[in-house]
Amino acid sequence: MKKTFVLEKFSTTLGEGMFSDLNDAPSRELVNFLISGRRLVDGIRPCRPPFGDMSLPQGVTPCGFAVADTAYGEIMFLAGWYGDAVRVYSAVAGGEFTMVENVSFTSDVAMCKAFVSGRQCVLAADSGGHIAMFDGVAAQSGTCPENVAAISTFGDRIVAVGGDSVYLSATDDPFTLGESLGGLQFSLGRGFGAGGAVEAGNALLVVGANAIAELTVDWEEETFTAEKTFTGGETIFPETLCAGGEGAFVMTDGGLLVYDGVSASFSHRRSGRLAGGGVCGFMLDGRYVACVKARENAQKRLLLRFYDDSVEVAEVSVAAACRSQSAGIVLAVGGIQRVFCFEGRPYAPVPQGRFISADTDFGIGSDKTITSFSLYTKRSVNVTIYADGKPHRFRVEGGGRRSVRTFIRGRVFSFSISVEEADSVLSKLSVSYEYAQTGR
């Protein structure tokens, strides 16, 4: 049985009292609207710095968008149609976009932020077999499979999906997607129509036109195991796929589909009547939000914010919108092309020191195996997992959300995080574990 446990409370040996509720990971899924008291206020508004109210390049129709924290600070990379090709433009916060030379694509691109060889970068791939990596210093181009519909990360590898296939790169090498280029490849079966992928716990969740598959990988044997967690008559909108909680969310024309880490089930069925296509999906203050094309008018965009027992709906006047896993939605509003983003919540840095959790058996008395842990950390930290008192130490590099695979057996666990640098920001620690069910 697989489970995920989120550790929220730690004590510290520095200062007075307790240090609890480490900050949630600073959301890079920024959005373009303000909600107050569950009402849409002011419609669309620009965010505060770093990326607020920036003019897009003249004559460019955006189709991809991502942000990376490079050696030169945060840089926004924008892909958009200019003439008969897709070009890539870059800008620092508050600056002007400039075209990246010698890089172009022949179709809409999928983009994501990644961590390659110790540095953050942005990857872009199209369905014509072109892939490029941007790190703020230089652009590198290569080839990839010709049917890529979405690109993401899975541990320390890059994953791309398209058609009936899943492509995995070699470690730290985005130019090895698929078997023919030195990576791994797996078929999901004829007609799957893969359009999105996201890491959920130890598995890779792949979303197709009418099905969702959960993939696990044996890295030593380089083999895949796939299990369909959902098959139905509903049409899935892969563009709205988003990791959240212990699993993921995605919109369909039959309502919101929620994956809880084990299986997928429907929620808020009536919301599906509104959706005729997907634009993007993201988390906002712990709530899933989908931007969809209205069923009665594909040119109209609706924002659906999901609560436990209700859905908040707002129409936005959007001439163009595109998905971003790392930074949000690029909008062309009212004929004036600009970047609009939600400003996000402030995240106070944590002090230097060692943060220690209480002992826990996760509510299960039998032995368990911790298979991975993940957290967002701005700076590099040391994480120690104590299994029945025995320490297992890990160095976690800063600069984003990190997932570390482990194999630690025990009955009672505790955790510590050592922060050595100032201006650190930490998220709650998410721990995935397995145990054998008994008495059934």
Foldseek 3Di string as FASTA:
>chain_A
DKDKDFAWFWAFPDDDDGDTGFAAFFAQAWEFFDADPLDTPPFGDFADDQATWAFAPPQWAWQEWAWAQAPVGIKIWTWTDHPQWIWIWIDGGPGHTDTAPPDIHRDRWAKAWAQAPRGIWMWIDALQFKIWIGRPPHIDIAGEHNFFQYWDDQAQWIWTDGFQKIWIADGRDPRQTDVVSPTHMDGNDHPFGWHAWDDAQQWIWTHHQFWIKTWHADVVVRDIDIDTQGGDDWTWARQAWDAADRGIWTATLQAIWDDNVRHIDHDPRVVSQQADHFAYWGDAPRWIWTWGQGNVGNQWIWIWTDDPHDIRIDTHAFRHWHYYNRHHIFGCHPNGGTRHTHHTDDFFADDFGKIKFDKDQPPDQDKKWWFKKKKAKQAKKKKWKAAVHRTDIDIDGHRTMHMGTDTDMHRMIMMMIGGDDPPMRMRTMMIMMDDDDDDD
